[in-house]
Amino acid sequence: MAKAAKTAIKTKDQKAAAEAKNWTKVIKVVRSASSGAYTFKEQIVHKDKVKSFLAHK
């Protein structure tokens, strides 16, 4: 009985699960102009916009 409930939950949100696969967490290293220290900028972006995120300063 538990397996049936688990399967029902899994198949219920197939559309949402398919849409979630289109997003990517991107981590970019940014150097501070004043101190010279490195920081990390993290953002979740659509997979089509990853290159534009990395190209933007």
PDB file of N, CA and C in Angstrom:
ATOM      1  N   MET A   1       0.827  -1.183   0.000  1.00  0.00           N
ATOM      2  CA  MET A   1       0.000   0.000   0.000  1.00  0.00           C
ATOM      3  C   MET A   1       0.874   1.249   0.000  1.00  0.00           C
ATOM      4  N   ALA A   2       1.966   1.239   0.666  1.00  0.00           N
ATOM      5  CA  ALA A   2       2.838   2.409   0.697  1.00  0.00           C
ATOM      6  C   ALA A   2       3.447   2.672  -0.670  1.00  0.00           C
ATOM      7  N   LYS A   3       3.759   1.600  -1.406  1.00  0.00           N
ATOM      8  CA  LYS A   3       4.332   1.783  -2.731  1.00  0.00           C
ATOM      9  C   LYS A   3       3.348   2.458  -3.670  1.00  0.00           C
ATOM     10  N   ALA A   4       2.086   2.149  -3.568  1.00  0.00           N
ATOM     11  CA  ALA A   4       1.082   2.753  -4.437  1.00  0.00           C
ATOM     12  C   ALA A   4       0.982   4.257  -4.164  1.00  0.00           C
ATOM     13  N   ALA A   5       1.028   4.651  -2.902  1.00  0.00           N
ATOM     14  CA  ALA A   5       0.947   6.068  -2.558  1.00  0.00           C
ATOM     15  C   ALA A   5       2.189   6.802  -3.048  1.00  0.00           C
ATOM     16  N   LYS A   6       3.340   6.175  -2.924  1.00  0.00           N
ATOM     17  CA  LYS A   6       4.584   6.787  -3.376  1.00  0.00           C
ATOM     18  C   LYS A   6       4.561   6.986  -4.891  1.00  0.00           C
ATOM     19  N   THR A   7       4.038   5.994  -5.613  1.00  0.00           N
ATOM     20  CA  THR A   7       3.949   6.072  -7.069  1.00  0.00           C
ATOM     21  C   THR A   7       2.946   7.143  -7.485  1.00  0.00           C
ATOM     22  N   ALA A   8       1.870   7.267  -6.758  1.00  0.00           N
ATOM     23  CA  ALA A   8       0.850   8.264  -7.086  1.00  0.00           C
ATOM     24  C   ALA A   8       1.408   9.675  -6.952  1.00  0.00           C
ATOM     25  N   ILE A   9       2.213   9.905  -5.961  1.00  0.00           N
ATOM     26  CA  ILE A   9       2.816  11.228  -5.768  1.00  0.00           C
ATOM     27  C   ILE A   9       3.805  11.513  -6.886  1.00  0.00           C
ATOM     28  N   LYS A  10       4.556  10.517  -7.279  1.00  0.00           N
ATOM     29  CA  LYS A  10       5.567  10.690  -8.309  1.00  0.00           C
ATOM     30  C   LYS A  10       4.935  11.037  -9.665  1.00  0.00           C
ATOM     31  N   THR A  11       3.867  10.371 -10.037  1.00  0.00           N
ATOM     32  CA  THR A  11       3.239  10.594 -11.338  1.00  0.00           C
ATOM     33  C   THR A  11       2.336  11.813 -11.348  1.00  0.00           C
ATOM     34  N   LYS A  12       1.979  12.328 -10.205  1.00  0.00           N
ATOM     35  CA  LYS A  12       1.056  13.450 -10.106  1.00  0.00           C
ATOM     36  C   LYS A  12       1.658  14.747 -10.642  1.00  0.00           C
ATOM     37  N   ASP A  13       2.933  14.981 -10.382  1.00  0.00           N
ATOM     38  CA  ASP A  13       3.566  16.233 -10.778  1.00  0.00           C
ATOM     39  C   ASP A  13       4.605  16.032 -11.875  1.00  0.00           C
ATOM     40  N   GLN A  14       4.302  15.266 -12.886  1.00  0.00           N
ATOM     41  CA  GLN A  14       5.251  15.031 -13.967  1.00  0.00           C
ATOM     42  C   GLN A  14       5.546  16.314 -14.735  1.00  0.00           C
ATOM     43  N   LYS A  15       4.545  17.130 -14.936  1.00  0.00           N
ATOM     44  CA  LYS A  15       4.735  18.382 -15.676  1.00  0.00           C
ATOM     45  C   LYS A  15       5.649  19.323 -14.890  1.00  0.00           C
ATOM     46  N   ALA A  16       5.467  19.419 -13.593  1.00  0.00           N
ATOM     47  CA  ALA A  16       6.313  20.265 -12.756  1.00  0.00           C
ATOM     48  C   ALA A  16       7.735  19.721 -12.708  1.00  0.00           C
ATOM     49  N   ALA A  17       7.890  18.418 -12.663  1.00  0.00           N
ATOM     50  CA  ALA A  17       9.220  17.816 -12.632  1.00  0.00           C
ATOM     51  C   ALA A  17       9.945  18.041 -13.955  1.00  0.00           C
ATOM     52  N   ALA A  18       9.229  17.982 -15.055  1.00  0.00           N
ATOM     53  CA  ALA A  18       9.839  18.229 -16.364  1.00  0.00           C
ATOM     54  C   ALA A  18      10.262  19.686 -16.482  1.00  0.00           C
ATOM     55  N   GLU A  19       9.487  20.594 -15.946  1.00  0.00           N
ATOM     56  CA  GLU A  19       9.828  22.023 -15.991  1.00  0.00           C
ATOM     57  C   GLU A  19      11.021  22.323 -15.083  1.00  0.00           C
ATOM     58  N   ALA A  20      11.150  21.638 -13.976  1.00  0.00           N
ATOM     59  CA  ALA A  20      12.254  21.873 -13.042  1.00  0.00           C
ATOM     60  C   ALA A  20      13.600  21.493 -13.650  1.00  0.00           C
ATOM     61  N   LYS A  21      13.607  20.577 -14.586  1.00  0.00           N
ATOM     62  CA  LYS A  21      14.855  20.158 -15.226  1.00  0.00           C
ATOM     63  C   LYS A  21      15.407  21.240 -16.157  1.00  0.00           C
ATOM     64  N   ASN A  22      14.628  22.262 -16.450  1.00  0.00           N
ATOM     65  CA  ASN A  22      15.074  23.340 -17.333  1.00  0.00           C
ATOM     66  C   ASN A  22      15.842  24.425 -16.587  1.00  0.00           C
ATOM     67  N   TRP A  23      15.981  24.315 -15.287  1.00  0.00           N
ATOM     68  CA  TRP A  23      16.656  25.331 -14.478  1.00  0.00           C
ATOM     69  C   TRP A  23      17.987  24.800 -13.977  1.00  0.00           C
ATOM     70  N   THR A  24      18.977  25.688 -13.870  1.00  0.00           N
ATOM     71  CA  THR A  24      20.332  25.305 -13.470  1.00  0.00           C
ATOM     72  C   THR A  24      20.857  26.293 -12.443  1.00  0.00           C
ATOM     73  N   LYS A  25      21.575  25.792 -11.446  1.00  0.00           N
ATOM     74  CA  LYS A  25      22.243  26.664 -10.481  1.00  0.00           C
ATOM     75  C   LYS A  25      23.611  27.003 -11.033  1.00  0.00           C
ATOM     76  N   VAL A  26      23.874  28.297 -11.203  1.00  0.00           N
ATOM     77  CA  VAL A  26      25.133  28.760 -11.772  1.00  0.00           C
ATOM     78  C   VAL A  26      25.906  29.502 -10.694  1.00  0.00           C
ATOM     79  N   ILE A  27      27.188  29.181 -10.556  1.00  0.00           N
ATOM     80  CA  ILE A  27      28.055  29.834  -9.584  1.00  0.00           C
ATOM     81  C   ILE A  27      29.155  30.546 -10.362  1.00  0.00           C
ATOM     82  N   LYS A  28      29.288  31.859 -10.131  1.00  0.00           N
ATOM     83  CA  LYS A  28      30.255  32.678 -10.848  1.00  0.00           C
ATOM     84  C   LYS A  28      31.214  33.309  -9.847  1.00  0.00           C
ATOM     85  N   VAL A  29      32.501  33.281 -10.160  1.00  0.00           N
ATOM     86  CA  VAL A  29      33.513  33.903  -9.308  1.00  0.00           C
ATOM     87  C   VAL A  29      33.653  35.366  -9.725  1.00  0.00           C
ATOM     88  N   VAL A  30      33.541  36.266  -8.753  1.00  0.00           N
ATOM     89  CA  VAL A  30      33.640  37.699  -9.012  1.00  0.00           C
ATOM     90  C   VAL A  30      34.745  38.262  -8.140  1.00  0.00           C
ATOM     91  N   ARG A  31      35.611  39.062  -8.732  1.00  0.00           N
ATOM     92  CA  ARG A  31      36.707  39.672  -7.977  1.00  0.00           C
ATOM     93  C   ARG A  31      36.338  41.104  -7.628  1.00  0.00           C
ATOM     94  N   SER A  32      36.508  41.458  -6.373  1.00  0.00           N
ATOM     95  CA  SER A  32      36.214  42.802  -5.896  1.00  0.00           C
ATOM     96  C   SER A  32      37.293  43.765  -6.384  1.00  0.00           C
ATOM     97  N   ALA A  33      36.877  44.909  -6.908  1.00  0.00           N
ATOM     98  CA  ALA A  33      37.836  45.895  -7.418  1.00  0.00           C
ATOM     99  C   ALA A  33      38.581  46.595  -6.281  1.00  0.00           C
ATOM    100  N   SER A  34      37.934  46.803  -5.162  1.00  0.00           N
ATOM    101  CA  SER A  34      38.555  47.540  -4.062  1.00  0.00           C
ATOM    102  C   SER A  34      39.527  46.697  -3.245  1.00  0.00           C
ATOM    103  N   SER A  35      39.128  45.484  -2.880  1.00  0.00           N
ATOM    104  CA  SER A  35      39.979  44.676  -2.008  1.00  0.00           C
ATOM    105  C   SER A  35      40.731  43.576  -2.755  1.00  0.00           C
ATOM    106  N   GLY A  36      40.286  43.219  -3.930  1.00  0.00           N
ATOM    107  CA  GLY A  36      40.927  42.151  -4.679  1.00  0.00           C
ATOM    108  C   GLY A  36      40.500  40.765  -4.245  1.00  0.00           C
ATOM    109  N   ALA A  37      39.593  40.672  -3.300  1.00  0.00           N
ATOM    110  CA  ALA A  37      39.121  39.370  -2.811  1.00  0.00           C
ATOM    111  C   ALA A  37      38.106  38.778  -3.796  1.00  0.00           C
ATOM    112  N   TYR A  38      38.042  37.461  -3.809  1.00  0.00           N
ATOM    113  CA  TYR A  38      37.091  36.763  -4.664  1.00  0.00           C
ATOM    114  C   TYR A  38      35.820  36.458  -3.880  1.00  0.00           C
ATOM    115  N   THR A  39      34.690  36.630  -4.536  1.00  0.00           N
ATOM    116  CA  THR A  39      33.399  36.253  -3.970  1.00  0.00           C
ATOM    117  C   THR A  39      32.672  35.393  -4.996  1.00  0.00           C
ATOM    118  N   PHE A  40      31.657  34.705  -4.549  1.00  0.00           N
ATOM    119  CA  PHE A  40      30.895  33.834  -5.422  1.00  0.00           C
ATOM    120  C   PHE A  40      29.474  34.358  -5.538  1.00  0.00           C
ATOM    121  N   LYS A  41      29.006  34.465  -6.770  1.00  0.00           N
ATOM    122  CA  LYS A  41      27.635  34.892  -7.034  1.00  0.00           C
ATOM    123  C   LYS A  41      26.869  33.669  -7.518  1.00  0.00           C
ATOM    124  N   GLU A  42      25.853  33.287  -6.768  1.00  0.00           N
ATOM    125  CA  GLU A  42      25.048  32.113  -7.102  1.00  0.00           C
ATOM    126  C   GLU A  42      23.672  32.553  -7.536  1.00  0.00           C
ATOM    127  N   GLN A  43      23.163  31.897  -8.572  1.00  0.00           N
ATOM    128  CA  GLN A  43      21.816  32.215  -9.029  1.00  0.00           C
ATOM    129  C   GLN A  43      21.254  31.014  -9.767  1.00  0.00           C
ATOM    130  N   ILE A  44      19.954  30.833  -9.700  1.00  0.00           N
ATOM    131  CA  ILE A  44      19.284  29.785 -10.440  1.00  0.00           C
ATOM    132  C   ILE A  44      18.680  30.440 -11.680  1.00  0.00           C
ATOM    133  N   VAL A  45      19.137  29.988 -12.852  1.00  0.00           N
ATOM    134  CA  VAL A  45      18.699  30.585 -14.111  1.00  0.00           C
ATOM    135  C   VAL A  45      18.186  29.491 -15.046  1.00  0.00           C
ATOM    136  N   HIS A  46      17.422  29.906 -16.029  1.00  0.00           N
ATOM    137  CA  HIS A  46      16.925  28.975 -17.037  1.00  0.00           C
ATOM    138  C   HIS A  46      18.103  28.495 -17.882  1.00  0.00           C
ATOM    139  N   LYS A  47      18.047  27.280 -18.340  1.00  0.00           N
ATOM    140  CA  LYS A  47      19.186  26.702 -19.058  1.00  0.00           C
ATOM    141  C   LYS A  47      19.519  27.440 -20.345  1.00  0.00           C
ATOM    142  N   ASP A  48      18.573  28.172 -20.907  1.00  0.00           N
ATOM    143  CA  ASP A  48      18.832  28.942 -22.120  1.00  0.00           C
ATOM    144  C   ASP A  48      19.588  30.237 -21.838  1.00  0.00           C
ATOM    145  N   LYS A  49      19.618  30.693 -20.590  1.00  0.00           N
ATOM    146  CA  LYS A  49      20.227  31.976 -20.245  1.00  0.00           C
ATOM    147  C   LYS A  49      21.526  31.848 -19.452  1.00  0.00           C
ATOM    148  N   VAL A  50      22.117  30.665 -19.412  1.00  0.00           N
ATOM    149  CA  VAL A  50      23.339  30.443 -18.643  1.00  0.00           C
ATOM    150  C   VAL A  50      24.498  31.241 -19.228  1.00  0.00           C
ATOM    151  N   LYS A  51      24.670  31.211 -20.535  1.00  0.00           N
ATOM    152  CA  LYS A  51      25.778  31.915 -21.174  1.00  0.00           C
ATOM    153  C   LYS A  51      25.677  33.421 -20.963  1.00  0.00           C
ATOM    154  N   SER A  52      24.483  33.970 -21.033  1.00  0.00           N
ATOM    155  CA  SER A  52      24.329  35.412 -20.826  1.00  0.00           C
ATOM    156  C   SER A  52      24.606  35.787 -19.381  1.00  0.00           C
ATOM    157  N   PHE A  53      24.290  34.911 -18.426  1.00  0.00           N
ATOM    158  CA  PHE A  53      24.598  35.179 -17.021  1.00  0.00           C
ATOM    159  C   PHE A  53      26.103  35.195 -16.796  1.00  0.00           C
ATOM    160  N   LEU A  54      26.820  34.259 -17.384  1.00  0.00           N
ATOM    161  CA  LEU A  54      28.257  34.182 -17.214  1.00  0.00           C
ATOM    162  C   LEU A  54      28.988  35.297 -17.955  1.00  0.00           C
ATOM    163  N   ALA A  55      28.419  35.792 -19.051  1.00  0.00           N
ATOM    164  CA  ALA A  55      29.057  36.861 -19.820  1.00  0.00           C
ATOM    165  C   ALA A  55      28.854  38.221 -19.174  1.00  0.00           C
ATOM    166  N   HIS A  56      27.791  38.395 -18.401  1.00  0.00           N
ATOM    167  CA  HIS A  56      27.483  39.683 -17.770  1.00  0.00           C
ATOM    168  C   HIS A  56      28.416  39.950 -16.602  1.00  0.00           C
ATOM    169  N   LYS A  57      28.950  41.169 -16.554  1.00  0.00           N
ATOM    170  CA  LYS A  57      29.868  41.526 -15.462  1.00  0.00           C
ATOM    171  C   LYS A  57      29.168  42.253 -14.354  1.00  0.00           C
TER     172      LYS A  57
END
